[in-house]
Amino acid sequence: MTKTSSPWQSGLALAGFIFITFCAPLLGVTSMPGEWYAGLNKPLWNPPAWLFGPAWTTLYTLMAIAAWLVWKRVGFTRALGFYFVQLILNAAWTPIFFGAHAMGWALFEISIMWIAILLTLLSFLRVQKTAGLLLVPYLAWVSFATFLNFTLWRLNPS
């Protein structure tokens, strides 16, 4: 079943998904890495700071396009419900990790987020293959981020 919409509605929906998706990192604006993060023991494979901006910009764009493709195909369904849950979890991680300096809680939270991303990806695949595949880099990055979170937590016991 394909949801019908005019090109104007479709473009507006894409803009809406981009806007909503890019709102997720706004929660973390007041929780920047800062001196606390700079002072942590880090593994040699810790990515350089400059990499995170371009990586997340790309991932958020792919996520928004994937959600829009699902919306175009079936409208607001369970698949998009999973999407919004993982987006909320995404928004919560930065204040927990960088704001509260709670690496253990952040590890728990990102693990739940990883499951939510996987459920989103699988549900998107069922609706539209391309939409699901667009989330693969996001799941890969969050898999890496989860392992990095774990490593930082282990290297920096409180």
Protein backbone atom coordinates (compact mmCIF):
# COMPACT_ATOMS: atom_id res chain seq x y z
CA MET A 1 0.00 0.00 0.00
CA THR A 2 1.41 3.36 -0.99
CA LYS A 3 0.30 6.51 0.79
CA THR A 4 -0.68 9.15 -1.74
CA SER A 5 0.47 12.71 -1.29
CA SER A 6 1.08 15.67 -3.52
CA PRO A 7 4.66 16.72 -4.25
CA TRP A 8 4.07 19.75 -2.01
CA GLN A 9 2.91 17.55 0.90
CA SER A 10 5.76 15.15 0.32
CA GLY A 11 8.35 17.95 0.34
CA LEU A 12 6.82 19.48 3.45
CA ALA A 13 6.87 16.07 5.15
CA LEU A 14 10.55 15.60 4.25
CA ALA A 15 11.34 19.03 5.70
CA GLY A 16 9.37 18.08 8.82
CA PHE A 17 11.26 14.81 9.27
CA ILE A 18 14.57 16.62 8.82
CA PHE A 19 13.55 19.27 11.36
CA ILE A 20 12.29 16.77 13.95
CA THR A 21 15.31 14.52 13.52
CA PHE A 22 17.76 17.39 13.90
CA CYS A 23 15.96 18.46 17.09
CA ALA A 24 17.35 15.36 18.83
CA PRO A 25 20.86 16.77 19.29
CA LEU A 26 19.49 20.10 20.56
CA LEU A 27 18.89 18.56 23.99
CA GLY A 28 22.63 18.04 24.26
CA VAL A 29 23.64 21.60 23.39
CA THR A 30 24.03 22.45 27.07
CA SER A 31 25.98 19.24 27.68
CA MET A 32 29.13 19.68 25.64
CA PRO A 33 32.16 17.42 26.21
CA GLY A 34 34.29 20.16 27.79
CA GLU A 35 37.08 19.75 30.33
CA TRP A 36 35.54 16.69 31.97
CA TYR A 37 35.69 14.68 28.75
CA ALA A 38 39.13 16.05 27.86
CA GLY A 39 40.45 14.74 31.17
CA LEU A 40 39.21 11.17 30.71
CA ASN A 41 41.47 8.25 29.92
CA LYS A 42 40.62 7.28 26.35
CA PRO A 43 41.53 4.33 24.16
CA LEU A 44 43.97 4.90 21.30
CA TRP A 45 41.13 4.29 18.84
CA ASN A 46 39.00 7.13 20.25
CA PRO A 47 37.87 9.20 17.21
CA PRO A 48 39.09 12.79 16.90
CA ALA A 49 36.62 15.45 18.00
CA TRP A 50 36.26 16.90 14.50
CA LEU A 51 34.77 13.62 13.21
CA PHE A 52 31.60 13.71 15.32
CA GLY A 53 29.94 16.73 13.66
CA PRO A 54 30.14 15.43 10.08
CA ALA A 55 29.30 11.88 11.15
CA TRP A 56 26.16 12.87 13.04
CA THR A 57 25.07 15.34 10.36
CA THR A 58 25.23 12.53 7.80
CA LEU A 59 23.49 10.05 10.09
CA TYR A 60 20.66 12.43 11.04
CA THR A 61 20.09 13.21 7.37
CA LEU A 62 19.93 9.52 6.45
CA MET A 63 17.60 8.86 9.39
CA ALA A 64 15.22 11.63 8.32
CA ILE A 65 15.13 10.42 4.72
CA ALA A 66 14.46 6.86 5.91
CA ALA A 67 11.58 8.01 8.11
CA TRP A 68 10.17 10.08 5.24
CA LEU A 69 10.32 7.08 2.88
CA VAL A 70 8.37 5.01 5.40
CA TRP A 71 5.84 7.81 5.85
CA LYS A 72 5.44 8.07 2.06
CA ARG A 73 4.75 4.36 1.82
CA VAL A 74 2.41 3.77 4.80
CA GLY A 75 1.93 7.00 6.73
CA PHE A 76 2.27 7.09 10.50
CA THR A 77 2.42 3.49 11.66
CA ARG A 78 4.21 1.35 14.24
CA ALA A 79 7.45 1.62 12.25
CA LEU A 80 7.52 5.39 12.78
CA GLY A 81 6.57 4.83 16.41
CA PHE A 82 9.83 2.90 16.80
CA TYR A 83 11.61 5.72 14.99
CA PHE A 84 10.41 8.36 17.43
CA VAL A 85 11.24 6.19 20.45
CA GLN A 86 14.83 5.72 19.28
CA LEU A 87 15.04 9.44 18.50
CA ILE A 88 14.03 10.30 22.08
CA LEU A 89 16.63 7.87 23.38
CA ASN A 90 19.18 9.43 21.03
CA ALA A 91 18.39 12.87 22.44
CA ALA A 92 18.74 11.61 26.04
CA TRP A 93 22.22 10.09 25.76
CA THR A 94 24.27 13.31 25.53
CA PRO A 95 22.88 14.92 28.71
CA ILE A 96 23.36 11.65 30.60
CA PHE A 97 26.94 11.11 29.42
CA PHE A 98 28.34 14.62 29.01
CA GLY A 99 25.94 16.54 31.26
CA ALA A 100 25.61 14.21 34.25
CA HIS A 101 28.97 12.46 33.67
CA ALA A 102 27.07 9.23 34.33
CA MET A 103 28.95 6.85 32.03
CA GLY A 104 27.33 3.73 33.52
CA TRP A 105 23.81 5.08 33.08
CA ALA A 106 24.74 6.32 29.62
CA LEU A 107 25.93 2.81 28.74
CA PHE A 108 22.60 1.39 29.91
CA GLU A 109 20.71 4.06 27.96
CA ILE A 110 22.69 3.61 24.73
CA SER A 111 22.15 -0.16 24.97
CA ILE A 112 18.39 0.39 25.07
CA MET A 113 18.78 2.88 22.22
CA TRP A 114 20.69 0.26 20.18
CA ILE A 115 17.78 -2.17 20.58
CA ALA A 116 15.31 0.56 19.58
CA ILE A 117 17.39 1.37 16.49
CA LEU A 118 17.51 -2.31 15.51
CA LEU A 119 13.72 -2.59 15.90
CA THR A 120 13.31 0.58 13.82
CA LEU A 121 15.64 -0.72 11.12
CA LEU A 122 13.85 -4.09 10.95
CA SER A 123 10.43 -2.46 10.82
CA PHE A 124 11.59 -0.03 8.13
CA LEU A 125 12.96 -2.94 6.07
CA ARG A 126 9.49 -4.52 6.13
CA VAL A 127 7.93 -1.32 4.82
CA GLN A 128 10.57 -0.19 2.33
CA LYS A 129 13.97 -1.83 1.85
CA THR A 130 15.83 1.40 1.07
CA ALA A 131 14.53 3.02 4.27
CA GLY A 132 15.84 0.14 6.34
CA LEU A 133 19.21 0.15 4.60
CA LEU A 134 19.58 3.89 5.23
CA LEU A 135 19.63 3.09 8.96
CA VAL A 136 22.50 0.57 8.71
CA PRO A 137 25.24 3.25 9.09
CA TYR A 138 23.40 4.65 12.12
CA LEU A 139 23.24 1.24 13.78
CA ALA A 140 26.92 0.67 12.97
CA TRP A 141 27.92 4.05 14.45
CA VAL A 142 25.86 3.50 17.59
CA SER A 143 27.38 0.01 17.91
CA PHE A 144 30.80 1.66 17.87
CA ALA A 145 29.62 4.40 20.26
CA THR A 146 28.28 1.77 22.66
CA PHE A 147 31.64 0.02 22.73
CA LEU A 148 33.40 3.37 23.18
CA ASN A 149 31.02 4.27 26.03
CA PHE A 150 31.77 0.90 27.66
CA THR A 151 35.52 1.37 27.22
CA LEU A 152 35.49 4.88 28.67
CA TRP A 153 33.42 3.66 31.61
CA ARG A 154 35.94 0.86 32.28
CA LEU A 155 38.99 3.12 31.85
CA ASN A 156 37.55 5.79 34.17
CA PRO A 157 36.00 4.18 37.25
CA SER A 158 34.45 6.77 39.52
